[in-house]
N, C-alpha and C. Protein backbone atom coordinates (compact mmCIF):
# COMPACT_ATOMS: atom_id res chain seq x y z
N MET A 1 -28.73 -12.92 -15.12
CA MET A 1 -28.75 -14.08 -16.00
C MET A 1 -29.13 -15.31 -15.21
N ASN A 2 -30.04 -16.12 -15.74
CA ASN A 2 -30.44 -17.35 -15.09
C ASN A 2 -29.30 -18.36 -15.13
N ARG A 3 -29.16 -19.10 -14.05
CA ARG A 3 -28.11 -20.13 -14.01
C ARG A 3 -28.51 -21.34 -14.83
N LEU A 4 -29.77 -21.76 -14.75
CA LEU A 4 -30.23 -22.96 -15.45
C LEU A 4 -30.94 -22.55 -16.73
N VAL A 5 -30.38 -22.97 -17.87
CA VAL A 5 -30.91 -22.57 -19.17
C VAL A 5 -31.06 -23.79 -20.06
N PRO A 6 -31.93 -23.71 -21.07
CA PRO A 6 -32.08 -24.82 -22.01
C PRO A 6 -30.84 -24.98 -22.89
N ILE A 7 -30.78 -26.05 -23.64
CA ILE A 7 -29.58 -26.39 -24.39
C ILE A 7 -29.20 -25.32 -25.42
N GLY A 8 -30.21 -24.73 -26.07
CA GLY A 8 -29.91 -23.72 -27.08
C GLY A 8 -29.21 -22.52 -26.50
N LYS A 9 -29.69 -22.03 -25.34
CA LYS A 9 -29.08 -20.88 -24.68
C LYS A 9 -27.68 -21.23 -24.17
N ALA A 10 -27.52 -22.44 -23.63
CA ALA A 10 -26.22 -22.86 -23.12
C ALA A 10 -25.20 -22.92 -24.25
N ALA A 11 -25.62 -23.44 -25.41
CA ALA A 11 -24.71 -23.50 -26.56
C ALA A 11 -24.31 -22.10 -27.01
N GLU A 12 -25.26 -21.18 -26.99
CA GLU A 12 -24.98 -19.79 -27.41
C GLU A 12 -23.99 -19.13 -26.47
N VAL A 13 -24.20 -19.27 -25.16
CA VAL A 13 -23.31 -18.64 -24.19
C VAL A 13 -21.91 -19.23 -24.25
N LEU A 14 -21.82 -20.54 -24.45
CA LEU A 14 -20.52 -21.21 -24.47
C LEU A 14 -19.83 -21.10 -25.82
N GLY A 15 -20.57 -20.69 -26.84
CA GLY A 15 -19.98 -20.53 -28.16
C GLY A 15 -19.73 -21.84 -28.88
N VAL A 16 -20.57 -22.84 -28.62
CA VAL A 16 -20.46 -24.14 -29.30
C VAL A 16 -21.81 -24.50 -29.89
N SER A 17 -21.83 -25.59 -30.66
CA SER A 17 -23.09 -26.02 -31.27
C SER A 17 -23.86 -26.92 -30.30
N ILE A 18 -25.15 -27.08 -30.59
CA ILE A 18 -25.98 -27.97 -29.76
C ILE A 18 -25.47 -29.41 -29.84
N PRO A 19 -25.10 -29.91 -31.05
CA PRO A 19 -24.54 -31.28 -31.11
C PRO A 19 -23.29 -31.45 -30.25
N THR A 20 -22.49 -30.39 -30.15
CA THR A 20 -21.29 -30.49 -29.30
C THR A 20 -21.67 -30.68 -27.85
N LEU A 21 -22.69 -29.94 -27.38
CA LEU A 21 -23.14 -30.12 -26.00
C LEU A 21 -23.67 -31.54 -25.78
N ARG A 22 -24.39 -32.03 -26.75
CA ARG A 22 -24.92 -33.40 -26.61
C ARG A 22 -23.77 -34.40 -26.54
N ARG A 23 -22.72 -34.16 -27.35
CA ARG A 23 -21.57 -35.09 -27.33
C ARG A 23 -20.86 -35.03 -25.98
N TRP A 24 -20.70 -33.81 -25.44
CA TRP A 24 -20.06 -33.68 -24.14
C TRP A 24 -20.84 -34.43 -23.06
N GLU A 25 -22.16 -34.35 -23.16
CA GLU A 25 -22.98 -35.07 -22.19
C GLU A 25 -22.79 -36.57 -22.33
N ALA A 26 -22.75 -37.04 -23.56
CA ALA A 26 -22.57 -38.47 -23.81
C ALA A 26 -21.21 -38.95 -23.30
N GLU A 27 -20.22 -38.08 -23.40
CA GLU A 27 -18.87 -38.44 -22.95
C GLU A 27 -18.71 -38.27 -21.44
N GLY A 28 -19.75 -37.74 -20.77
CA GLY A 28 -19.69 -37.55 -19.33
C GLY A 28 -18.95 -36.31 -18.89
N ARG A 29 -18.68 -35.40 -19.85
CA ARG A 29 -17.94 -34.18 -19.52
C ARG A 29 -18.84 -33.15 -18.83
N ILE A 30 -20.11 -33.18 -19.13
CA ILE A 30 -21.08 -32.32 -18.46
C ILE A 30 -22.28 -33.15 -18.06
N SER A 31 -23.00 -32.68 -17.07
CA SER A 31 -24.17 -33.42 -16.60
C SER A 31 -25.31 -32.43 -16.35
N PRO A 32 -26.21 -32.26 -17.33
CA PRO A 32 -27.31 -31.30 -17.16
C PRO A 32 -28.32 -31.77 -16.13
N GLU A 33 -28.99 -30.82 -15.55
CA GLU A 33 -30.10 -31.15 -14.66
C GLU A 33 -31.37 -31.30 -15.49
N ARG A 34 -32.38 -31.85 -14.87
CA ARG A 34 -33.64 -32.05 -15.60
C ARG A 34 -34.79 -31.46 -14.79
N THR A 35 -35.75 -30.89 -15.52
CA THR A 35 -36.94 -30.34 -14.88
C THR A 35 -37.89 -31.47 -14.52
N SER A 36 -38.97 -31.14 -13.85
CA SER A 36 -39.97 -32.17 -13.48
C SER A 36 -40.60 -32.80 -14.71
N SER A 37 -40.56 -32.07 -15.82
CA SER A 37 -41.13 -32.63 -17.06
C SER A 37 -40.08 -33.33 -17.91
N GLY A 38 -38.84 -33.42 -17.40
CA GLY A 38 -37.80 -34.17 -18.10
C GLY A 38 -36.94 -33.36 -19.05
N HIS A 39 -37.10 -32.04 -19.11
CA HIS A 39 -36.29 -31.24 -20.02
C HIS A 39 -34.91 -30.95 -19.41
N ARG A 40 -33.90 -30.93 -20.29
CA ARG A 40 -32.54 -30.64 -19.84
C ARG A 40 -32.40 -29.15 -19.50
N ARG A 41 -31.66 -28.90 -18.44
CA ARG A 41 -31.30 -27.54 -18.08
C ARG A 41 -29.81 -27.53 -17.72
N TYR A 42 -29.08 -26.60 -18.32
CA TYR A 42 -27.63 -26.54 -18.14
C TYR A 42 -27.27 -25.44 -17.14
N ASP A 43 -26.41 -25.77 -16.21
CA ASP A 43 -26.02 -24.84 -15.14
C ASP A 43 -24.84 -24.00 -15.63
N LEU A 44 -25.13 -22.74 -16.01
CA LEU A 44 -24.08 -21.87 -16.51
C LEU A 44 -23.06 -21.51 -15.43
N ALA A 45 -23.48 -21.50 -14.17
CA ALA A 45 -22.55 -21.19 -13.09
C ALA A 45 -21.46 -22.23 -13.00
N ALA A 46 -21.77 -23.48 -13.40
CA ALA A 46 -20.77 -24.53 -13.40
C ALA A 46 -19.98 -24.55 -14.71
N LEU A 47 -20.67 -24.26 -15.83
CA LEU A 47 -20.01 -24.32 -17.13
C LEU A 47 -19.17 -23.08 -17.40
N LYS A 48 -19.62 -21.91 -16.92
CA LYS A 48 -18.89 -20.66 -17.15
C LYS A 48 -19.01 -19.78 -15.91
N PRO A 49 -18.29 -20.13 -14.84
CA PRO A 49 -18.47 -19.45 -13.54
C PRO A 49 -18.13 -17.97 -13.56
N GLU A 50 -17.27 -17.53 -14.50
CA GLU A 50 -16.89 -16.12 -14.50
C GLU A 50 -18.08 -15.20 -14.75
N LEU A 51 -19.17 -15.75 -15.31
CA LEU A 51 -20.36 -14.94 -15.56
C LEU A 51 -21.08 -14.56 -14.27
N PHE A 52 -20.79 -15.30 -13.20
CA PHE A 52 -21.54 -15.11 -11.95
C PHE A 52 -20.65 -14.64 -10.80
N HIS A 53 -19.44 -14.24 -11.12
CA HIS A 53 -18.54 -13.72 -10.09
C HIS A 53 -18.04 -12.36 -10.52
N ALA A 54 -18.32 -11.35 -9.71
CA ALA A 54 -17.85 -9.99 -10.04
C ALA A 54 -16.33 -9.97 -10.00
N PRO A 55 -15.71 -9.32 -10.95
CA PRO A 55 -14.25 -9.24 -10.93
C PRO A 55 -13.76 -8.51 -9.69
N SER A 56 -12.61 -8.94 -9.17
CA SER A 56 -12.07 -8.30 -7.97
C SER A 56 -11.70 -6.85 -8.28
N ASP A 57 -11.91 -5.99 -7.30
CA ASP A 57 -11.60 -4.58 -7.49
C ASP A 57 -10.10 -4.38 -7.33
N THR A 58 -9.44 -4.12 -8.44
CA THR A 58 -7.99 -3.96 -8.43
C THR A 58 -7.58 -2.51 -8.24
N ARG A 59 -8.55 -1.63 -8.00
CA ARG A 59 -8.21 -0.23 -7.80
C ARG A 59 -7.43 -0.06 -6.50
N ARG A 60 -6.53 0.87 -6.49
CA ARG A 60 -5.62 1.01 -5.37
C ARG A 60 -6.17 1.90 -4.26
N THR A 61 -5.52 1.81 -3.11
CA THR A 61 -5.82 2.67 -1.98
C THR A 61 -4.78 3.79 -1.94
N LEU A 62 -5.25 5.02 -1.81
CA LEU A 62 -4.36 6.17 -1.66
C LEU A 62 -4.58 6.80 -0.29
N ALA A 63 -3.49 7.11 0.38
CA ALA A 63 -3.56 7.86 1.63
C ALA A 63 -2.91 9.22 1.39
N TYR A 64 -3.49 10.24 1.97
CA TYR A 64 -2.99 11.60 1.72
C TYR A 64 -2.67 12.30 3.03
N ALA A 65 -1.48 12.88 3.09
CA ALA A 65 -1.03 13.61 4.28
C ALA A 65 -0.60 15.01 3.88
N ARG A 66 -0.80 15.97 4.79
CA ARG A 66 -0.40 17.35 4.50
C ARG A 66 -0.11 18.10 5.78
N VAL A 67 0.93 18.94 5.72
CA VAL A 67 1.15 19.97 6.74
C VAL A 67 1.37 21.29 6.02
N SER A 68 1.34 22.36 6.75
CA SER A 68 1.28 23.68 6.12
C SER A 68 2.63 24.26 5.72
N SER A 69 3.72 23.88 6.41
CA SER A 69 4.99 24.54 6.13
C SER A 69 6.16 23.57 6.27
N HIS A 70 7.32 23.98 5.75
CA HIS A 70 8.50 23.14 5.74
C HIS A 70 9.04 22.87 7.14
N ASP A 71 8.76 23.74 8.09
CA ASP A 71 9.27 23.50 9.43
C ASP A 71 8.45 22.44 10.18
N GLU A 72 7.47 21.86 9.50
CA GLU A 72 6.65 20.80 10.11
C GLU A 72 6.91 19.43 9.47
N LYS A 73 8.10 19.27 8.87
CA LYS A 73 8.40 18.01 8.17
C LYS A 73 8.32 16.81 9.09
N GLU A 74 8.75 16.97 10.35
CA GLU A 74 8.67 15.86 11.30
C GLU A 74 7.22 15.47 11.55
N ASP A 75 6.35 16.47 11.65
CA ASP A 75 4.93 16.18 11.84
C ASP A 75 4.35 15.46 10.63
N LEU A 76 4.81 15.85 9.45
CA LEU A 76 4.34 15.19 8.23
C LEU A 76 4.74 13.72 8.22
N GLU A 77 5.98 13.44 8.63
CA GLU A 77 6.43 12.06 8.66
C GLU A 77 5.64 11.23 9.66
N ARG A 78 5.32 11.82 10.82
CA ARG A 78 4.52 11.08 11.80
C ARG A 78 3.11 10.83 11.27
N GLN A 79 2.57 11.82 10.60
CA GLN A 79 1.24 11.66 10.01
C GLN A 79 1.23 10.53 8.98
N LYS A 80 2.27 10.47 8.16
CA LYS A 80 2.39 9.40 7.16
C LYS A 80 2.53 8.03 7.81
N GLN A 81 3.22 8.00 8.95
CA GLN A 81 3.37 6.72 9.66
C GLN A 81 2.02 6.22 10.17
N VAL A 82 1.19 7.14 10.66
CA VAL A 82 -0.15 6.75 11.12
C VAL A 82 -0.96 6.14 9.97
N LEU A 83 -0.91 6.80 8.83
CA LEU A 83 -1.64 6.30 7.65
C LEU A 83 -1.09 4.96 7.21
N GLU A 84 0.23 4.83 7.22
CA GLU A 84 0.86 3.58 6.79
C GLU A 84 0.47 2.42 7.70
N MET A 85 0.52 2.66 9.00
CA MET A 85 0.18 1.59 9.95
C MET A 85 -1.29 1.19 9.82
N TYR A 86 -2.16 2.18 9.65
CA TYR A 86 -3.59 1.87 9.53
C TYR A 86 -3.86 1.04 8.28
N CYS A 87 -3.33 1.47 7.14
CA CYS A 87 -3.58 0.75 5.89
C CYS A 87 -2.98 -0.65 5.94
N ALA A 88 -1.80 -0.78 6.55
CA ALA A 88 -1.16 -2.09 6.66
C ALA A 88 -1.98 -3.04 7.52
N ARG A 89 -2.55 -2.51 8.61
CA ARG A 89 -3.38 -3.35 9.48
C ARG A 89 -4.62 -3.86 8.76
N GLN A 90 -5.12 -3.07 7.80
CA GLN A 90 -6.30 -3.49 7.05
C GLN A 90 -5.95 -4.47 5.93
N GLY A 91 -4.66 -4.64 5.68
CA GLY A 91 -4.23 -5.54 4.62
C GLY A 91 -4.37 -4.93 3.23
N TRP A 92 -4.39 -3.60 3.13
CA TRP A 92 -4.57 -2.93 1.84
C TRP A 92 -3.22 -2.69 1.18
N ALA A 93 -3.17 -2.86 -0.13
CA ALA A 93 -2.03 -2.37 -0.90
C ALA A 93 -2.26 -0.89 -1.11
N PHE A 94 -1.29 -0.05 -0.75
CA PHE A 94 -1.56 1.38 -0.72
C PHE A 94 -0.36 2.20 -1.16
N GLU A 95 -0.64 3.46 -1.45
CA GLU A 95 0.38 4.45 -1.78
C GLU A 95 0.05 5.71 -0.99
N ILE A 96 1.08 6.38 -0.50
CA ILE A 96 0.87 7.61 0.26
C ILE A 96 1.33 8.81 -0.57
N LEU A 97 0.45 9.79 -0.70
CA LEU A 97 0.78 11.07 -1.31
C LEU A 97 0.84 12.11 -0.21
N SER A 98 1.73 13.08 -0.35
CA SER A 98 1.84 14.10 0.70
C SER A 98 2.19 15.45 0.10
N ASP A 99 1.89 16.49 0.87
CA ASP A 99 2.17 17.85 0.44
C ASP A 99 2.67 18.68 1.62
N LEU A 100 3.53 19.63 1.31
CA LEU A 100 3.91 20.69 2.23
C LEU A 100 3.29 21.97 1.68
N GLY A 101 2.23 22.43 2.28
CA GLY A 101 1.58 23.62 1.76
C GLY A 101 0.28 23.90 2.45
N SER A 102 -0.19 25.11 2.29
CA SER A 102 -1.40 25.57 2.95
C SER A 102 -2.63 24.79 2.49
N GLY A 103 -3.59 24.69 3.37
CA GLY A 103 -4.87 24.07 3.03
C GLY A 103 -5.69 24.92 2.09
N MET A 104 -5.23 26.14 1.81
CA MET A 104 -5.91 27.02 0.87
C MET A 104 -5.33 26.91 -0.53
N ASN A 105 -4.22 26.18 -0.67
CA ASN A 105 -3.53 26.07 -1.96
C ASN A 105 -4.05 24.85 -2.73
N TYR A 106 -4.68 25.10 -3.88
CA TYR A 106 -5.24 24.02 -4.69
C TYR A 106 -4.25 23.51 -5.74
N GLN A 107 -3.05 24.08 -5.77
CA GLN A 107 -2.08 23.73 -6.80
C GLN A 107 -0.96 22.83 -6.28
N LYS A 108 -1.13 22.23 -5.14
CA LYS A 108 -0.10 21.37 -4.58
C LYS A 108 0.06 20.11 -5.44
N LYS A 109 1.29 19.66 -5.59
CA LYS A 109 1.61 18.55 -6.48
C LYS A 109 0.87 17.27 -6.08
N GLY A 110 0.92 16.94 -4.80
CA GLY A 110 0.28 15.71 -4.34
C GLY A 110 -1.23 15.75 -4.52
N LEU A 111 -1.83 16.90 -4.21
CA LEU A 111 -3.29 17.05 -4.35
C LEU A 111 -3.71 16.93 -5.81
N LYS A 112 -2.95 17.55 -6.70
CA LYS A 112 -3.28 17.49 -8.12
C LYS A 112 -3.19 16.06 -8.65
N LYS A 113 -2.17 15.33 -8.20
CA LYS A 113 -2.05 13.93 -8.62
C LYS A 113 -3.21 13.11 -8.07
N LEU A 114 -3.57 13.38 -6.81
CA LEU A 114 -4.69 12.67 -6.19
C LEU A 114 -5.97 12.85 -6.99
N ILE A 115 -6.29 14.09 -7.35
CA ILE A 115 -7.50 14.36 -8.12
C ILE A 115 -7.42 13.69 -9.49
N GLU A 116 -6.24 13.73 -10.09
CA GLU A 116 -6.07 13.15 -11.43
C GLU A 116 -6.35 11.65 -11.44
N VAL A 117 -5.79 10.91 -10.47
CA VAL A 117 -5.98 9.47 -10.49
C VAL A 117 -7.40 9.07 -10.07
N ILE A 118 -8.03 9.89 -9.23
CA ILE A 118 -9.42 9.62 -8.88
C ILE A 118 -10.29 9.75 -10.13
N LEU A 119 -10.07 10.81 -10.90
CA LEU A 119 -10.84 11.02 -12.12
C LEU A 119 -10.56 9.92 -13.15
N GLU A 120 -9.35 9.36 -13.14
CA GLU A 120 -9.02 8.26 -14.05
C GLU A 120 -9.77 6.99 -13.70
N GLY A 121 -10.23 6.88 -12.45
CA GLY A 121 -10.94 5.68 -12.02
C GLY A 121 -10.05 4.58 -11.49
N SER A 122 -8.77 4.90 -11.21
CA SER A 122 -7.84 3.87 -10.75
C SER A 122 -7.73 3.79 -9.23
N VAL A 123 -8.50 4.61 -8.52
CA VAL A 123 -8.47 4.63 -7.05
C VAL A 123 -9.78 4.08 -6.49
N GLY A 124 -9.68 3.18 -5.54
CA GLY A 124 -10.87 2.62 -4.92
C GLY A 124 -11.11 3.11 -3.51
N ARG A 125 -10.06 3.72 -2.91
CA ARG A 125 -10.19 4.14 -1.51
C ARG A 125 -9.24 5.31 -1.24
N LEU A 126 -9.73 6.29 -0.47
CA LEU A 126 -8.93 7.43 -0.04
C LEU A 126 -8.92 7.47 1.48
N VAL A 127 -7.73 7.54 2.07
CA VAL A 127 -7.59 7.53 3.53
C VAL A 127 -6.95 8.84 3.99
N LEU A 128 -7.59 9.49 4.97
CA LEU A 128 -7.10 10.75 5.54
C LEU A 128 -7.06 10.64 7.06
N THR A 129 -6.20 11.41 7.70
CA THR A 129 -6.25 11.47 9.16
C THR A 129 -7.39 12.38 9.62
N HIS A 130 -7.54 13.52 8.97
CA HIS A 130 -8.65 14.44 9.22
C HIS A 130 -9.12 15.02 7.90
N LYS A 131 -10.36 15.45 7.87
CA LYS A 131 -10.91 16.04 6.64
C LYS A 131 -10.12 17.25 6.18
N ASP A 132 -9.70 18.10 7.13
CA ASP A 132 -9.02 19.33 6.73
C ASP A 132 -7.57 19.10 6.31
N ARG A 133 -7.08 17.86 6.36
CA ARG A 133 -5.77 17.57 5.79
C ARG A 133 -5.84 17.62 4.27
N LEU A 134 -7.03 17.44 3.71
CA LEU A 134 -7.19 17.49 2.26
C LEU A 134 -7.19 18.94 1.80
N LEU A 135 -8.17 19.70 2.24
CA LEU A 135 -8.28 21.13 1.94
C LEU A 135 -8.97 21.81 3.12
N ARG A 136 -8.63 23.07 3.34
CA ARG A 136 -9.32 23.81 4.39
C ARG A 136 -10.76 24.07 3.98
N PHE A 137 -10.94 24.52 2.73
CA PHE A 137 -12.28 24.73 2.18
C PHE A 137 -12.33 24.03 0.82
N GLY A 138 -13.43 23.35 0.56
CA GLY A 138 -13.57 22.70 -0.73
C GLY A 138 -13.39 21.19 -0.69
N ALA A 139 -13.13 20.64 0.50
CA ALA A 139 -12.96 19.19 0.59
C ALA A 139 -14.23 18.46 0.16
N GLU A 140 -15.39 19.08 0.41
CA GLU A 140 -16.66 18.44 0.06
C GLU A 140 -16.76 18.19 -1.45
N LEU A 141 -16.15 19.09 -2.24
CA LEU A 141 -16.16 18.89 -3.69
C LEU A 141 -15.36 17.65 -4.07
N ILE A 142 -14.21 17.46 -3.44
CA ILE A 142 -13.40 16.27 -3.70
C ILE A 142 -14.16 15.01 -3.27
N PHE A 143 -14.85 15.11 -2.13
CA PHE A 143 -15.61 13.95 -1.66
C PHE A 143 -16.77 13.63 -2.62
N ALA A 144 -17.37 14.67 -3.23
CA ALA A 144 -18.44 14.45 -4.20
C ALA A 144 -17.90 13.73 -5.43
N ILE A 145 -16.69 14.09 -5.85
CA ILE A 145 -16.06 13.40 -6.97
C ILE A 145 -15.79 11.94 -6.60
N CYS A 146 -15.33 11.72 -5.37
CA CYS A 146 -15.09 10.36 -4.90
C CYS A 146 -16.37 9.53 -4.95
N GLU A 147 -17.46 10.13 -4.51
CA GLU A 147 -18.74 9.41 -4.53
C GLU A 147 -19.14 9.07 -5.95
N ALA A 148 -18.96 10.02 -6.88
CA ALA A 148 -19.32 9.77 -8.28
C ALA A 148 -18.45 8.67 -8.89
N LYS A 149 -17.21 8.58 -8.44
CA LYS A 149 -16.28 7.57 -8.97
C LYS A 149 -16.24 6.31 -8.12
N GLU A 150 -17.16 6.22 -7.15
CA GLU A 150 -17.27 5.07 -6.26
C GLU A 150 -15.97 4.82 -5.50
N VAL A 151 -15.40 5.90 -4.99
CA VAL A 151 -14.19 5.82 -4.17
C VAL A 151 -14.60 5.91 -2.70
N GLU A 152 -14.23 4.92 -1.92
CA GLU A 152 -14.51 4.94 -0.48
C GLU A 152 -13.58 5.93 0.20
N VAL A 153 -14.15 6.79 1.05
CA VAL A 153 -13.35 7.77 1.80
C VAL A 153 -13.30 7.33 3.26
N VAL A 154 -12.10 7.14 3.77
CA VAL A 154 -11.90 6.73 5.16
C VAL A 154 -11.19 7.87 5.89
N ILE A 155 -11.86 8.44 6.90
CA ILE A 155 -11.28 9.52 7.71
C ILE A 155 -11.04 8.96 9.11
N LEU A 156 -9.79 8.88 9.52
CA LEU A 156 -9.45 8.20 10.77
C LEU A 156 -10.00 8.93 11.99
N ASN A 157 -10.01 10.27 11.95
CA ASN A 157 -10.53 11.07 13.06
C ASN A 157 -11.60 11.99 12.52
N GLN A 158 -12.86 11.70 12.83
CA GLN A 158 -13.96 12.51 12.33
C GLN A 158 -13.97 13.86 13.03
N GLY A 159 -14.57 14.85 12.37
CA GLY A 159 -14.64 16.19 12.95
C GLY A 159 -13.38 16.96 12.64
N SER A 160 -13.37 18.20 13.06
CA SER A 160 -12.20 19.04 12.83
C SER A 160 -11.16 18.77 13.89
N ARG A 161 -9.91 19.15 13.60
CA ARG A 161 -8.85 18.91 14.57
C ARG A 161 -8.99 19.80 15.80
N SER A 162 -9.78 20.85 15.71
CA SER A 162 -10.00 21.68 16.89
C SER A 162 -10.80 20.93 17.95
N ASP A 163 -11.53 19.88 17.50
CA ASP A 163 -12.32 19.09 18.44
C ASP A 163 -11.51 17.95 19.04
N ALA A 164 -10.31 17.70 18.49
CA ALA A 164 -9.53 16.55 18.93
C ALA A 164 -8.79 16.87 20.23
N SER A 165 -8.56 15.83 21.01
CA SER A 165 -7.78 15.99 22.23
C SER A 165 -6.31 16.15 21.88
N PRO A 166 -5.49 16.67 22.79
CA PRO A 166 -4.05 16.77 22.51
C PRO A 166 -3.44 15.44 22.14
N ALA A 167 -3.91 14.35 22.78
CA ALA A 167 -3.37 13.03 22.45
C ALA A 167 -3.70 12.64 21.03
N GLN A 168 -4.94 12.91 20.60
CA GLN A 168 -5.34 12.60 19.24
C GLN A 168 -4.56 13.44 18.25
N GLN A 169 -4.36 14.73 18.56
CA GLN A 169 -3.62 15.58 17.66
C GLN A 169 -2.19 15.09 17.52
N GLY A 170 -1.62 14.61 18.61
CA GLY A 170 -0.27 14.07 18.51
C GLY A 170 -0.25 12.77 17.73
N GLU A 171 -1.30 11.99 17.85
CA GLU A 171 -1.35 10.69 17.18
C GLU A 171 -1.29 10.84 15.69
N ASP A 172 -2.04 11.82 15.11
CA ASP A 172 -2.00 11.93 13.66
C ASP A 172 -1.03 13.01 13.22
N ALA A 173 -0.19 13.49 14.15
CA ALA A 173 1.01 14.25 13.82
C ALA A 173 0.75 15.57 13.11
N ASP A 174 -0.28 16.27 13.46
CA ASP A 174 -0.54 17.58 12.87
C ASP A 174 -0.04 18.67 13.80
N THR A 175 0.23 19.82 13.22
CA THR A 175 0.51 20.99 14.04
C THR A 175 -0.78 21.42 14.71
N SER A 176 -0.69 22.41 15.62
CA SER A 176 -1.88 22.84 16.32
C SER A 176 -2.89 23.45 15.36
N PHE A 177 -4.14 23.29 15.67
CA PHE A 177 -5.21 23.81 14.82
C PHE A 177 -5.09 25.32 14.66
N GLU A 178 -4.79 26.02 15.75
CA GLU A 178 -4.73 27.48 15.70
C GLU A 178 -3.62 27.96 14.77
N GLU A 179 -2.44 27.34 14.84
CA GLU A 179 -1.33 27.75 13.99
C GLU A 179 -1.64 27.51 12.52
N ASP A 180 -2.21 26.35 12.25
CA ASP A 180 -2.54 26.00 10.87
C ASP A 180 -3.58 26.96 10.30
N LEU A 181 -4.60 27.22 11.09
CA LEU A 181 -5.66 28.12 10.62
C LEU A 181 -5.12 29.53 10.42
N ALA A 182 -4.22 29.96 11.29
CA ALA A 182 -3.65 31.30 11.17
C ALA A 182 -2.89 31.44 9.86
N ARG A 183 -2.16 30.42 9.46
CA ARG A 183 -1.43 30.48 8.18
C ARG A 183 -2.40 30.61 7.01
N ASP A 184 -3.51 29.88 7.09
CA ASP A 184 -4.49 29.95 6.00
C ASP A 184 -5.15 31.32 5.95
N VAL A 185 -5.42 31.90 7.12
CA VAL A 185 -6.01 33.24 7.15
C VAL A 185 -5.04 34.25 6.55
N LEU A 186 -3.76 34.11 6.86
CA LEU A 186 -2.76 35.01 6.29
C LEU A 186 -2.70 34.88 4.77
N GLU A 187 -2.87 33.67 4.29
CA GLU A 187 -2.86 33.49 2.84
C GLU A 187 -4.06 34.18 2.20
N ILE A 188 -5.22 34.07 2.85
CA ILE A 188 -6.41 34.76 2.33
C ILE A 188 -6.17 36.27 2.30
N ILE A 189 -5.59 36.79 3.39
CA ILE A 189 -5.31 38.23 3.45
C ILE A 189 -4.35 38.63 2.34
N THR A 190 -3.35 37.80 2.09
CA THR A 190 -2.37 38.12 1.04
C THR A 190 -3.03 38.22 -0.32
N VAL A 191 -3.96 37.28 -0.59
CA VAL A 191 -4.67 37.30 -1.88
C VAL A 191 -5.47 38.59 -2.03
N PHE A 192 -6.20 38.95 -0.99
CA PHE A 192 -7.01 40.16 -1.06
C PHE A 192 -6.14 41.42 -1.04
N SER A 193 -4.97 41.30 -0.43
CA SER A 193 -4.07 42.45 -0.42
C SER A 193 -3.69 42.84 -1.83
N ALA A 194 -3.38 41.86 -2.65
CA ALA A 194 -2.97 42.13 -4.02
C ALA A 194 -4.07 42.87 -4.78
N ARG A 195 -5.31 42.55 -4.47
CA ARG A 195 -6.43 43.20 -5.16
C ARG A 195 -6.70 44.60 -4.61
N LEU A 196 -6.71 44.70 -3.28
CA LEU A 196 -7.06 45.98 -2.67
C LEU A 196 -5.95 47.01 -2.82
N TYR A 197 -4.69 46.56 -2.86
CA TYR A 197 -3.60 47.50 -3.03
C TYR A 197 -3.70 48.20 -4.38
N GLY A 198 -4.29 47.51 -5.32
CA GLY A 198 -4.46 48.11 -6.65
C GLY A 198 -5.41 49.29 -6.63
N CYS A 199 -6.22 49.37 -5.60
CA CYS A 199 -7.15 50.50 -5.47
C CYS A 199 -6.46 51.75 -4.90
N ARG A 200 -5.20 51.58 -4.48
CA ARG A 200 -4.43 52.69 -3.93
C ARG A 200 -5.15 53.38 -2.76
N SER A 201 -5.78 52.55 -1.94
CA SER A 201 -6.50 53.11 -0.81
C SER A 201 -5.67 52.96 0.46
N ARG A 202 -5.31 54.08 1.07
CA ARG A 202 -4.56 54.00 2.31
C ARG A 202 -5.36 53.30 3.40
N LYS A 203 -6.67 53.53 3.36
CA LYS A 203 -7.53 52.91 4.37
C LYS A 203 -7.48 51.39 4.24
N ASN A 204 -7.55 50.88 3.00
CA ASN A 204 -7.48 49.44 2.77
C ASN A 204 -6.13 48.88 3.21
N LYS A 205 -5.06 49.59 2.87
CA LYS A 205 -3.73 49.11 3.23
C LYS A 205 -3.57 49.04 4.75
N LYS A 206 -4.06 50.06 5.42
CA LYS A 206 -3.96 50.09 6.88
C LYS A 206 -4.76 48.96 7.51
N LEU A 207 -5.95 48.71 6.96
CA LEU A 207 -6.80 47.63 7.46
C LEU A 207 -6.11 46.28 7.32
N LEU A 208 -5.52 46.04 6.17
CA LEU A 208 -4.85 44.76 5.92
C LEU A 208 -3.63 44.59 6.80
N GLU A 209 -2.88 45.67 7.00
CA GLU A 209 -1.72 45.60 7.87
C GLU A 209 -2.13 45.25 9.30
N ASN A 210 -3.21 45.84 9.77
CA ASN A 210 -3.69 45.55 11.12
C ASN A 210 -4.16 44.10 11.24
N LEU A 211 -4.82 43.60 10.18
CA LEU A 211 -5.27 42.20 10.20
C LEU A 211 -4.10 41.25 10.27
N LYS A 212 -3.08 41.52 9.47
CA LYS A 212 -1.90 40.66 9.49
C LYS A 212 -1.24 40.64 10.88
N LYS A 213 -1.13 41.81 11.48
CA LYS A 213 -0.54 41.87 12.80
C LYS A 213 -1.35 41.09 13.82
N ALA A 214 -2.68 41.18 13.72
CA ALA A 214 -3.55 40.46 14.66
C ALA A 214 -3.39 38.95 14.52
N VAL A 215 -3.32 38.48 13.29
CA VAL A 215 -3.18 37.03 13.06
C VAL A 215 -1.83 36.55 13.52
N GLU A 216 -0.78 37.33 13.19
CA GLU A 216 0.57 36.92 13.60
C GLU A 216 0.74 36.92 15.10
């Protein structure tokens, strides 16, 4: 929208009559500019500034933390502290969601709420310590939804946790990469066990038992 408009357009945008604008000018309440040919031009940015200022983004920041099992509650709390300190330093108003559960589990309460509010459009930013804290597999789908909903994704430590130094792993309070991955592999084996056991194959059962022992 042009800032400088003729009197008819200015009256239309302001919702008043042309005589009213002329009266305001006579009373000194407004002061139109003039073109080189002497025509009045009204500055809408001065008369109705809200038309030229984008509304502030009131969408909230969400931080998400996860560990795989209940015996890692202390690690979860440290991870949440890292997220809290980071968001506070940025001056963001934020909320932290967390889960105790495998990275292969898509039914976790915190994750489901996270997806729900992103789809609602009430989230403007998602903060994670590592990508795999969201999901072991499938995080890219969540990130695609974030992009579609114009949600900024902030990952404090890029790359997988297997690439992080021991100091970095301690900083974002995760369990070791190997232990976490082993739990997820066991969960995959358990899912396939339920299917293969139905085939009543001793060979399949023996194979799965050996895999479980190797992972453990």
